[in-house]
Amino acid sequence: MCALARWYQSLGWNVTGCDRSSQDNPSLDGIAVAEGHSRSHLDGQDAVVFTAAMADDCPEVLEARKRGIRTLRRSEALGELTRGCSTMAVAGAHGKTSTTSMTGWILQEVGMNPTVFLGGGMTPWGGNFRPGGPLAVVEADEYDRAFLRITSAHAAVTSFDLEHLECYGSSEALEWAFEVFLELTLPGGTVVVPAEKPSLGRYAARIGRRVVVCGPSGDCHLMPMESSGWGMDFSLEGVPGRLPAPGVHNLRNAETAVALCGAAGVEPKDAVEALSTWPGVQRRLERIGETRGTVLISDYAHHPREIAAAISAVKQAIKGSVDVVFQPHLFSRTGSMFREMAHALLPAENVWVLPIYPSREQPVEGVTSELITRESGGRFQEVCEERLTEVVRGSSAGAILFMGAGSVDEMARRTMGELK
């Protein structure tokens, strides 16, 4: 929503906003954000854009419809904003934000001045939006079928996993939606698919779109080399490179970005050079501080595969053991995946599990963080926010990884501040 607000502002609109808490928002370049919801926020407005996570009884939306003010879901607004652009869209269960930011960064560094819309902040861009020219790189989310409202010049899927089944009902329907997303690519376009799921591009190929497969034995593969420290060395078609972020999963994100930029005419060697200066994304293996030799890291991982990848990456890059503070995200996800979450967390030395972050959901009877701690056989401990400073002080790990898609990042930064 913040990126949308900044995009509208860059086009000359007068933009205001509201949220449950005005403190939850990053820098919005002077856009006023009111705290709470009120019908009075509609006075003088021409349109209302709202998130799909908003409750159906949101007073602004109900009043806007009553007054005849135009209302758009976030996905509808993004579809309209991209309509006048040559759009490169990045979808996928994991890695969308990192891949979108890498793609935008490469295009920026080779002088193509992209407009970039993503789900995480980039420090050099002052947030999650970069104003630019008519070439747009956007993160395309499958939640609420949002990505089906985008028509792309080129499109990519980073990965496929069983996510957001509350929107689709079955794995078959979810897979079909990804196939349709790629099929919507305009004539002459390229679609990029992961090596583990090349069939996602079958409908796009049937109507003549070029299909590029990323990953081992694919058309574009960043071959990992022996690496040390906070980064990954690799080779692409004999050209050596280094990505300043750890983890094989980040190399997978990078090769998708390279393939997508190749569709826009960027040479592989130029993409490799640009990746060497990629600054990373906030909340994606972001180092937020150090205390007594222990590095504090914030990461958005909330799905078992993301959890496992983040822990593996940090263990490769940091000397010493890795502890984890994990905040489960959504009651529905925790109820269906608590066993997989517990298994993914096992490689950590110590694990503390916070209460579930509900986001858009109501509590579900019997679904609590205890499901995860119990599944660990007593290895993990439940913890409340008030004890985090004590937990960090008592840790002797090389790194403590704060993980989750909710408020755990704010907790990590607050804890870091209290320890300074």
Foldseek 3Di string as FASTA:
>chain_A
DLQLQLLVVVVPDQAEEEDCQPVVDFDNPPHHYHHDADCVVCVPDQEAEEEPLDDPVRPVVVVCVVVVRHYYYPLLSVLVSLPQAQEEEEEEPPLLQLLQLLLVLLCVLVPNFEWEAGDFQDVVCRGRTHDGDRYYYYYQYPAVPSLLSHQHLEYEYLYYDPPNCVNQVDSVSSLVSLLNSRLSYDPPYEYEYEPVCQVSPVNNVVVPHHYFYEDVVTNWYWAWDDDEAAWTWTATPNRTAIARHFFPSSRSSLRRSLVSVVRVPDDSNSSRVSRNPRPDTPQCQDFDDDDPQATEGGHADAALVSLLRSLVRCVRHFPFFEEEEEAHEALVRCVVCLLSNLVSRVRGQAYEYEWHDHSSHDDDPPRTNVSNCVSNVNRYHYDYLVCVLVVVVPDPGNYYYYYHNDCSVVSSNVSNVVRD
